[in-house]
């Protein structure tokens, strides 16, 4: 079963280009079946801008592969995570 988490629209001119929230619209993150984590690129980049992952390890690997871009790891509840070596910690 797919799960969707909506990142609410931010107030216009209230953030930076590094935010995962858009100042134009709510942003839906659709988690594929069995996936708990998403690596979400800043909305500035446009397009889909995220990938979903079943494990923390897979999310960390995907996030590290995008190291040149502003991004965050979130879970299906919208919790945000930081990478601490090889594990996730809540931000």
PDB file of N, CA and C in Angstrom:
ATOM      1  N   UNK A   1       0.833  -1.178   0.000  1.00  0.00           N
ATOM      2  CA  UNK A   1       0.000   0.000   0.000  1.00  0.00           C
ATOM      3  C   UNK A   1       0.882   1.248   0.000  1.00  0.00           C
ATOM      4  N   UNK A   2       0.533   2.204  -0.836  1.00  0.00           N
ATOM      5  CA  UNK A   2       1.272   3.459  -0.902  1.00  0.00           C
ATOM      6  C   UNK A   2       0.837   4.382   0.232  1.00  0.00           C
ATOM      7  N   UNK A   3       1.767   5.168   0.700  1.00  0.00           N
ATOM      8  CA  UNK A   3       1.512   6.178   1.711  1.00  0.00           C
ATOM      9  C   UNK A   3       1.924   7.521   1.135  1.00  0.00           C
ATOM     10  N   UNK A   4       1.159   8.553   1.438  1.00  0.00           N
ATOM     11  CA  UNK A   4       1.491   9.897   0.973  1.00  0.00           C
ATOM     12  C   UNK A   4       1.677  10.821   2.168  1.00  0.00           C
ATOM     13  N   UNK A   5       2.759  11.568   2.160  1.00  0.00           N
ATOM     14  CA  UNK A   5       2.976  12.614   3.147  1.00  0.00           C
ATOM     15  C   UNK A   5       3.015  13.932   2.382  1.00  0.00           C
ATOM     16  N   UNK A   6       2.290  14.918   2.866  1.00  0.00           N
ATOM     17  CA  UNK A   6       2.243  16.224   2.211  1.00  0.00           C
ATOM     18  C   UNK A   6       3.102  17.219   2.974  1.00  0.00           C
ATOM     19  N   UNK A   7       4.062  17.794   2.270  1.00  0.00           N
ATOM     20  CA  UNK A   7       4.877  18.869   2.834  1.00  0.00           C
ATOM     21  C   UNK A   7       4.111  20.162   2.554  1.00  0.00           C
ATOM     22  N   UNK A   8       3.654  20.835   3.619  1.00  0.00           N
ATOM     23  CA  UNK A   8       2.836  22.039   3.409  1.00  0.00           C
ATOM     24  C   UNK A   8       3.620  23.152   2.710  1.00  0.00           C
ATOM     25  N   UNK A   9       2.900  23.910   1.917  1.00  0.00           N
ATOM     26  CA  UNK A   9       3.458  25.074   1.234  1.00  0.00           C
ATOM     27  C   UNK A   9       3.991  26.052   2.270  1.00  0.00           C
ATOM     28  N   UNK A  10       5.138  26.635   1.995  1.00  0.00           N
ATOM     29  CA  UNK A  10       5.671  27.663   2.899  1.00  0.00           C
ATOM     30  C   UNK A  10       5.159  29.027   2.446  1.00  0.00           C
ATOM     31  N   UNK A  11       5.166  29.972   3.348  1.00  0.00           N
ATOM     32  CA  UNK A  11       4.738  31.313   3.012  1.00  0.00           C
ATOM     33  C   UNK A  11       5.720  31.909   2.013  1.00  0.00           C
ATOM     34  N   UNK A  12       5.221  32.593   1.029  1.00  0.00           N
ATOM     35  CA  UNK A  12       6.048  33.186  -0.016  1.00  0.00           C
ATOM     36  C   UNK A  12       7.159  34.044   0.575  1.00  0.00           C
ATOM     37  N   UNK A  13       8.350  33.885   0.042  1.00  0.00           N
ATOM     38  CA  UNK A  13       9.538  34.639   0.460  1.00  0.00           C
ATOM     39  C   UNK A  13       9.904  34.442   1.928  1.00  0.00           C
ATOM     40  N   UNK A  14       9.561  33.283   2.506  1.00  0.00           N
ATOM     41  CA  UNK A  14       9.854  33.061   3.916  1.00  0.00           C
ATOM     42  C   UNK A  14      10.995  32.081   4.140  1.00  0.00           C
ATOM     43  N   UNK A  15      11.545  31.519   3.096  1.00  0.00           N
ATOM     44  CA  UNK A  15      12.604  30.522   3.266  1.00  0.00           C
ATOM     45  C   UNK A  15      13.759  30.782   2.328  1.00  0.00           C
ATOM     46  N   UNK A  16      14.386  29.688   1.947  1.00  0.00           N
ATOM     47  CA  UNK A  16      15.511  29.795   1.023  1.00  0.00           C
ATOM     48  C   UNK A  16      15.366  28.738  -0.064  1.00  0.00           C
ATOM     49  N   UNK A  17      16.244  28.781  -1.030  1.00  0.00           N
ATOM     50  CA  UNK A  17      16.188  27.797  -2.109  1.00  0.00           C
ATOM     51  C   UNK A  17      16.552  26.400  -1.615  1.00  0.00           C
ATOM     52  N   UNK A  18      17.015  26.274  -0.396  1.00  0.00           N
ATOM     53  CA  UNK A  18      17.404  24.983   0.161  1.00  0.00           C
ATOM     54  C   UNK A  18      16.243  24.247   0.832  1.00  0.00           C
ATOM     55  N   UNK A  19      15.084  24.884   0.961  1.00  0.00           N
ATOM     56  CA  UNK A  19      13.923  24.278   1.618  1.00  0.00           C
ATOM     57  C   UNK A  19      13.311  23.182   0.755  1.00  0.00           C
ATOM     58  N   UNK A  20      12.823  22.119   1.423  1.00  0.00           N
ATOM     59  CA  UNK A  20      12.116  21.071   0.677  1.00  0.00           C
ATOM     60  C   UNK A  20      10.662  21.454   0.446  1.00  0.00           C
ATOM     61  N   UNK A  21      10.184  22.472   1.163  1.00  0.00           N
ATOM     62  CA  UNK A  21       8.820  22.969   0.960  1.00  0.00           C
ATOM     63  C   UNK A  21       8.825  23.994  -0.167  1.00  0.00           C
ATOM     64  N   UNK A  22       7.775  24.015  -0.933  1.00  0.00           N
ATOM     65  CA  UNK A  22       7.642  24.968  -2.032  1.00  0.00           C
ATOM     66  C   UNK A  22       6.864  26.189  -1.555  1.00  0.00           C
ATOM     67  N   UNK A  23       7.129  27.348  -2.139  1.00  0.00           N
ATOM     68  CA  UNK A  23       6.306  28.518  -1.806  1.00  0.00           C
ATOM     69  C   UNK A  23       5.189  28.698  -2.825  1.00  0.00           C
ATOM     70  N   UNK A  24       4.999  27.701  -3.711  1.00  0.00           N
ATOM     71  CA  UNK A  24       3.940  27.771  -4.712  1.00  0.00           C
ATOM     72  C   UNK A  24       2.805  26.774  -4.468  1.00  0.00           C
ATOM     73  N   UNK A  25       3.088  25.662  -3.807  1.00  0.00           N
ATOM     74  CA  UNK A  25       2.079  24.615  -3.652  1.00  0.00           C
ATOM     75  C   UNK A  25       2.502  23.614  -2.584  1.00  0.00           C
ATOM     76  N   UNK A  26       1.518  22.846  -2.061  1.00  0.00           N
ATOM     77  CA  UNK A  26       1.834  21.727  -1.188  1.00  0.00           C
ATOM     78  C   UNK A  26       2.584  20.702  -2.018  1.00  0.00           C
ATOM     79  N   UNK A  27       3.457  19.968  -1.400  1.00  0.00           N
ATOM     80  CA  UNK A  27       4.275  18.987  -2.113  1.00  0.00           C
ATOM     81  C   UNK A  27       3.985  17.592  -1.570  1.00  0.00           C
ATOM     82  N   UNK A  28       3.430  16.733  -2.410  1.00  0.00           N
ATOM     83  CA  UNK A  28       3.105  15.370  -1.997  1.00  0.00           C
ATOM     84  C   UNK A  28       4.280  14.447  -2.242  1.00  0.00           C
ATOM     85  N   UNK A  29       4.647  13.702  -1.196  1.00  0.00           N
ATOM     86  CA  UNK A  29       5.673  12.678  -1.304  1.00  0.00           C
ATOM     87  C   UNK A  29       4.938  11.349  -1.237  1.00  0.00           C
ATOM     88  N   UNK A  30       4.944  10.607  -2.326  1.00  0.00           N
ATOM     89  CA  UNK A  30       4.232   9.333  -2.407  1.00  0.00           C
ATOM     90  C   UNK A  30       5.248   8.219  -2.177  1.00  0.00           C
ATOM     91  N   UNK A  31       5.103   7.549  -1.038  1.00  0.00           N
ATOM     92  CA  UNK A  31       5.993   6.455  -0.682  1.00  0.00           C
ATOM     93  C   UNK A  31       5.517   5.176  -1.356  1.00  0.00           C
ATOM     94  N   UNK A  32       6.411   4.502  -2.068  1.00  0.00           N
ATOM     95  CA  UNK A  32       6.082   3.224  -2.690  1.00  0.00           C
ATOM     96  C   UNK A  32       5.751   2.201  -1.594  1.00  0.00           C
ATOM     97  N   UNK A  33       5.075   1.156  -1.968  1.00  0.00           N
ATOM     98  CA  UNK A  33       4.679   0.117  -1.018  1.00  0.00           C
ATOM     99  C   UNK A  33       5.899  -0.390  -0.242  1.00  0.00           C
ATOM    100  N   UNK A  34       5.781  -0.420   1.072  1.00  0.00           N
ATOM    101  CA  UNK A  34       6.848  -0.924   1.930  1.00  0.00           C
ATOM    102  C   UNK A  34       7.947   0.067   2.235  1.00  0.00           C
ATOM    103  N   UNK A  35       7.890   1.240   1.658  1.00  0.00           N
ATOM    104  CA  UNK A  35       8.938   2.240   1.881  1.00  0.00           C
ATOM    105  C   UNK A  35       8.608   3.102   3.088  1.00  0.00           C
ATOM    106  N   UNK A  36       9.625   3.405   3.883  1.00  0.00           N
ATOM    107  CA  UNK A  36       9.451   4.202   5.093  1.00  0.00           C
ATOM    108  C   UNK A  36      10.156   5.556   5.008  1.00  0.00           C
ATOM    109  N   UNK A  37      11.176   5.658   4.162  1.00  0.00           N
ATOM    110  CA  UNK A  37      11.987   6.873   4.084  1.00  0.00           C
ATOM    111  C   UNK A  37      11.972   7.459   2.675  1.00  0.00           C
ATOM    112  N   UNK A  38      12.181   8.775   2.605  1.00  0.00           N
ATOM    113  CA  UNK A  38      12.323   9.450   1.313  1.00  0.00           C
ATOM    114  C   UNK A  38      13.490  10.424   1.404  1.00  0.00           C
ATOM    115  N   UNK A  39      14.260  10.480   0.341  1.00  0.00           N
ATOM    116  CA  UNK A  39      15.297  11.495   0.193  1.00  0.00           C
ATOM    117  C   UNK A  39      14.679  12.559  -0.707  1.00  0.00           C
ATOM    118  N   UNK A  40      14.461  13.737  -0.132  1.00  0.00           N
ATOM    119  CA  UNK A  40      13.729  14.799  -0.821  1.00  0.00           C
ATOM    120  C   UNK A  40      14.677  15.948  -1.145  1.00  0.00           C
ATOM    121  N   UNK A  41      14.801  16.241  -2.438  1.00  0.00           N
ATOM    122  CA  UNK A  41      15.627  17.375  -2.853  1.00  0.00           C
ATOM    123  C   UNK A  41      14.866  18.681  -2.620  1.00  0.00           C
ATOM    124  N   UNK A  42      15.596  19.762  -2.484  1.00  0.00           N
ATOM    125  CA  UNK A  42      14.978  21.078  -2.323  1.00  0.00           C
ATOM    126  C   UNK A  42      14.014  21.328  -3.475  1.00  0.00           C
ATOM    127  N   UNK A  43      12.896  21.968  -3.183  1.00  0.00           N
ATOM    128  CA  UNK A  43      11.876  22.210  -4.209  1.00  0.00           C
ATOM    129  C   UNK A  43      12.411  23.090  -5.332  1.00  0.00           C
ATOM    130  N   UNK A  44      13.432  23.853  -5.064  1.00  0.00           N
ATOM    131  CA  UNK A  44      14.069  24.720  -6.050  1.00  0.00           C
ATOM    132  C   UNK A  44      14.439  23.968  -7.329  1.00  0.00           C
ATOM    133  N   UNK A  45      14.824  22.697  -7.197  1.00  0.00           N
ATOM    134  CA  UNK A  45      15.281  21.923  -8.346  1.00  0.00           C
ATOM    135  C   UNK A  45      14.142  21.516  -9.279  1.00  0.00           C
ATOM    136  N   UNK A  46      12.908  21.539  -8.794  1.00  0.00           N
ATOM    137  CA  UNK A  46      11.763  21.201  -9.633  1.00  0.00           C
ATOM    138  C   UNK A  46      11.646  19.709  -9.887  1.00  0.00           C
ATOM    139  N   UNK A  47      10.662  19.331 -10.674  1.00  0.00           N
ATOM    140  CA  UNK A  47      10.447  17.924 -10.993  1.00  0.00           C
ATOM    141  C   UNK A  47       9.971  17.133  -9.793  1.00  0.00           C
ATOM    142  N   UNK A  48      10.003  15.818  -9.912  1.00  0.00           N
ATOM    143  CA  UNK A  48       9.584  14.947  -8.816  1.00  0.00           C
ATOM    144  C   UNK A  48      10.445  15.216  -7.588  1.00  0.00           C
ATOM    145  N   UNK A  49      11.739  15.144  -7.733  1.00  0.00           N
ATOM    146  CA  UNK A  49      12.662  15.572  -6.694  1.00  0.00           C
ATOM    147  C   UNK A  49      12.741  14.719  -5.446  1.00  0.00           C
ATOM    148  N   UNK A  50      12.389  13.455  -5.512  1.00  0.00           N
ATOM    149  CA  UNK A  50      12.552  12.590  -4.348  1.00  0.00           C
ATOM    150  C   UNK A  50      12.610  11.135  -4.776  1.00  0.00           C
ATOM    151  N   UNK A  51      13.205  10.319  -3.895  1.00  0.00           N
ATOM    152  CA  UNK A  51      13.200   8.871  -4.061  1.00  0.00           C
ATOM    153  C   UNK A  51      12.750   8.261  -2.743  1.00  0.00           C
ATOM    154  N   UNK A  52      12.121   7.095  -2.792  1.00  0.00           N
ATOM    155  CA  UNK A  52      11.659   6.446  -1.567  1.00  0.00           C
ATOM    156  C   UNK A  52      12.445   5.158  -1.334  1.00  0.00           C
ATOM    157  N   UNK A  53      12.559   4.783  -0.053  1.00  0.00           N
ATOM    158  CA  UNK A  53      13.425   3.668   0.329  1.00  0.00           C
ATOM    159  C   UNK A  53      12.819   2.877   1.491  1.00  0.00           C
ATOM    160  N   UNK A  54      13.069   1.581   1.502  1.00  0.00           N
ATOM    161  CA  UNK A  54      12.525   0.697   2.540  1.00  0.00           C
ATOM    162  C   UNK A  54      13.335   0.747   3.829  1.00  0.00           C
ATOM    163  N   UNK A  55      14.632   0.991   3.721  1.00  0.00           N
ATOM    164  CA  UNK A  55      15.485   0.953   4.913  1.00  0.00           C
ATOM    165  C   UNK A  55      16.244   2.268   5.096  1.00  0.00           C
ATOM    166  N   UNK A  56      16.668   2.479   6.331  1.00  0.00           N
ATOM    167  CA  UNK A  56      17.480   3.660   6.630  1.00  0.00           C
ATOM    168  C   UNK A  56      18.789   3.608   5.849  1.00  0.00           C
ATOM    169  N   UNK A  57      19.379   2.435   5.751  1.00  0.00           N
ATOM    170  CA  UNK A  57      20.640   2.291   5.019  1.00  0.00           C
ATOM    171  C   UNK A  57      20.515   2.692   3.559  1.00  0.00           C
ATOM    172  N   UNK A  58      19.424   2.288   2.930  1.00  0.00           N
ATOM    173  CA  UNK A  58      19.201   2.644   1.524  1.00  0.00           C
ATOM    174  C   UNK A  58      18.997   4.151   1.382  1.00  0.00           C
ATOM    175  N   UNK A  59      18.293   4.763   2.325  1.00  0.00           N
ATOM    176  CA  UNK A  59      18.073   6.209   2.291  1.00  0.00           C
ATOM    177  C   UNK A  59      19.390   6.956   2.476  1.00  0.00           C
ATOM    178  N   UNK A  60      20.226   6.473   3.373  1.00  0.00           N
ATOM    179  CA  UNK A  60      21.527   7.107   3.601  1.00  0.00           C
ATOM    180  C   UNK A  60      22.377   7.020   2.335  1.00  0.00           C
ATOM    181  N   UNK A  61      22.397   5.857   1.711  1.00  0.00           N
ATOM    182  CA  UNK A  61      23.182   5.660   0.491  1.00  0.00           C
ATOM    183  C   UNK A  61      22.695   6.602  -0.620  1.00  0.00           C
ATOM    184  N   UNK A  62      21.375   6.704  -0.783  1.00  0.00           N
ATOM    185  CA  UNK A  62      20.800   7.588  -1.803  1.00  0.00           C
ATOM    186  C   UNK A  62      21.098   9.050  -1.482  1.00  0.00           C
ATOM    187  N   UNK A  63      21.014   9.417  -0.219  1.00  0.00           N
ATOM    188  CA  UNK A  63      21.301  10.796   0.185  1.00  0.00           C
ATOM    189  C   UNK A  63      22.762  11.134  -0.088  1.00  0.00           C
ATOM    190  N   UNK A  64      23.657  10.226   0.249  1.00  0.00           N
ATOM    191  CA  UNK A  64      25.084  10.461   0.013  1.00  0.00           C
ATOM    192  C   UNK A  64      25.390  10.596  -1.476  1.00  0.00           C
ATOM    193  N   UNK A  65      24.637   9.897  -2.306  1.00  0.00           N
ATOM    194  CA  UNK A  65      24.828   9.986  -3.752  1.00  0.00           C
ATOM    195  C   UNK A  65      24.401  11.354  -4.291  1.00  0.00           C
ATOM    196  N   UNK A  66      23.574  12.080  -3.531  1.00  0.00           N
ATOM    197  CA  UNK A  66      23.080  13.400  -3.926  1.00  0.00           C
ATOM    198  C   UNK A  66      23.786  14.515  -3.152  1.00  0.00           C
ATOM    199  N   UNK A  67      25.006  14.264  -2.710  1.00  0.00           N
ATOM    200  CA  UNK A  67      25.698  15.197  -1.818  1.00  0.00           C
ATOM    201  C   UNK A  67      25.896  16.598  -2.379  1.00  0.00           C
ATOM    202  N   UNK A  68      25.805  16.748  -3.693  1.00  0.00           N
ATOM    203  CA  UNK A  68      25.975  18.072  -4.292  1.00  0.00           C
ATOM    204  C   UNK A  68      24.692  18.892  -4.300  1.00  0.00           C
ATOM    205  N   UNK A  69      23.607  18.334  -3.785  1.00  0.00           N
ATOM    206  CA  UNK A  69      22.299  18.986  -3.805  1.00  0.00           C
ATOM    207  C   UNK A  69      21.761  19.172  -2.392  1.00  0.00           C
ATOM    208  N   UNK A  70      20.947  20.212  -2.197  1.00  0.00           N
ATOM    209  CA  UNK A  70      20.254  20.403  -0.916  1.00  0.00           C
ATOM    210  C   UNK A  70      19.170  19.344  -0.821  1.00  0.00           C
ATOM    211  N   UNK A  71      19.118  18.626   0.299  1.00  0.00           N
ATOM    212  CA  UNK A  71      18.161  17.531   0.451  1.00  0.00           C
ATOM    213  C   UNK A  71      17.934  17.235   1.925  1.00  0.00           C
ATOM    214  N   UNK A  72      16.861  16.505   2.174  1.00  0.00           N
ATOM    215  CA  UNK A  72      16.557  16.029   3.514  1.00  0.00           C
ATOM    216  C   UNK A  72      16.020  14.617   3.411  1.00  0.00           C
ATOM    217  N   UNK A  73      16.190  13.862   4.497  1.00  0.00           N
ATOM    218  CA  UNK A  73      15.577  12.545   4.598  1.00  0.00           C
ATOM    219  C   UNK A  73      14.384  12.696   5.524  1.00  0.00           C
ATOM    220  N   UNK A  74      13.224  12.224   5.073  1.00  0.00           N
ATOM    221  CA  UNK A  74      12.018  12.246   5.904  1.00  0.00           C
ATOM    222  C   UNK A  74      11.437  10.837   5.944  1.00  0.00           C
ATOM    223  N   UNK A  75      10.542  10.615   6.920  1.00  0.00           N
ATOM    224  CA  UNK A  75       9.833   9.338   6.956  1.00  0.00           C
ATOM    225  C   UNK A  75       8.368   9.567   6.631  1.00  0.00           C
ATOM    226  N   UNK A  76       7.581   8.508   6.693  1.00  0.00           N
ATOM    227  CA  UNK A  76       6.176   8.587   6.293  1.00  0.00           C
ATOM    228  C   UNK A  76       5.353   9.493   7.194  1.00  0.00           C
ATOM    229  N   UNK A  77       5.870   9.808   8.393  1.00  0.00           N
ATOM    230  CA  UNK A  77       5.171  10.712   9.303  1.00  0.00           C
ATOM    231  C   UNK A  77       5.665  12.155   9.181  1.00  0.00           C
ATOM    232  N   UNK A  78       6.651  12.377   8.322  1.00  0.00           N
ATOM    233  CA  UNK A  78       7.183  13.725   8.150  1.00  0.00           C
ATOM    234  C   UNK A  78       8.341  14.064   9.061  1.00  0.00           C
ATOM    235  N   UNK A  79       8.785  13.104   9.873  1.00  0.00           N
ATOM    236  CA  UNK A  79       9.956  13.346  10.713  1.00  0.00           C
ATOM    237  C   UNK A  79      11.173  13.537   9.823  1.00  0.00           C
ATOM    238  N   UNK A  80      12.038  14.456  10.207  1.00  0.00           N
ATOM    239  CA  UNK A  80      13.237  14.744   9.429  1.00  0.00           C
ATOM    240  C   UNK A  80      14.443  14.154  10.140  1.00  0.00           C
ATOM    241  N   UNK A  81      15.407  13.684   9.324  1.00  0.00           N
ATOM    242  CA  UNK A  81      16.567  12.986   9.865  1.00  0.00           C
ATOM    243  C   UNK A  81      17.865  13.576   9.355  1.00  0.00           C
ATOM    244  N   UNK A  82      18.884  13.454  10.183  1.00  0.00           N
ATOM    245  CA  UNK A  82      20.255  13.781   9.816  1.00  0.00           C
ATOM    246  C   UNK A  82      21.024  12.477   9.736  1.00  0.00           C
ATOM    247  N   UNK A  83      22.051  12.442   8.913  1.00  0.00           N
ATOM    248  CA  UNK A  83      22.889  11.257   8.809  1.00  0.00           C
ATOM    249  C   UNK A  83      24.063  11.416   9.765  1.00  0.00           C
ATOM    250  N   UNK A  84      24.220  10.450  10.653  1.00  0.00           N
ATOM    251  CA  UNK A  84      25.338  10.416  11.594  1.00  0.00           C
ATOM    252  C   UNK A  84      26.149   9.164  11.270  1.00  0.00           C
ATOM    253  N   UNK A  85      27.152   9.329  10.442  1.00  0.00           N
ATOM    254  CA  UNK A  85      27.961   8.226   9.917  1.00  0.00           C
ATOM    255  C   UNK A  85      27.066   7.257   9.148  1.00  0.00           C
ATOM    256  N   UNK A  86      26.697   6.140   9.768  1.00  0.00           N
ATOM    257  CA  UNK A  86      25.919   5.127   9.052  1.00  0.00           C
ATOM    258  C   UNK A  86      24.533   4.907   9.662  1.00  0.00           C
ATOM    259  N   UNK A  87      24.031   5.919  10.374  1.00  0.00           N
ATOM    260  CA  UNK A  87      22.698   5.798  10.979  1.00  0.00           C
ATOM    261  C   UNK A  87      21.961   7.122  10.876  1.00  0.00           C
ATOM    262  N   UNK A  88      20.644   7.029  11.003  1.00  0.00           N
ATOM    263  CA  UNK A  88      19.809   8.230  10.976  1.00  0.00           C
ATOM    264  C   UNK A  88      19.478   8.656  12.398  1.00  0.00           C
ATOM    265  N   UNK A  89      19.483   9.957  12.633  1.00  0.00           N
ATOM    266  CA  UNK A  89      19.050  10.516  13.910  1.00  0.00           C
ATOM    267  C   UNK A  89      18.024  11.602  13.599  1.00  0.00           C
ATOM    268  N   UNK A  90      16.977  11.663  14.418  1.00  0.00           N
ATOM    269  CA  UNK A  90      15.952  12.687  14.202  1.00  0.00           C
ATOM    270  C   UNK A  90      16.556  14.069  14.321  1.00  0.00           C
ATOM    271  N   UNK A  91      16.152  14.928  13.408  1.00  0.00           N
ATOM    272  CA  UNK A  91      16.650  16.306  13.418  1.00  0.00           C
ATOM    273  C   UNK A  91      15.905  17.125  14.445  1.00  0.00           C
TER     274      UNK A  91
END
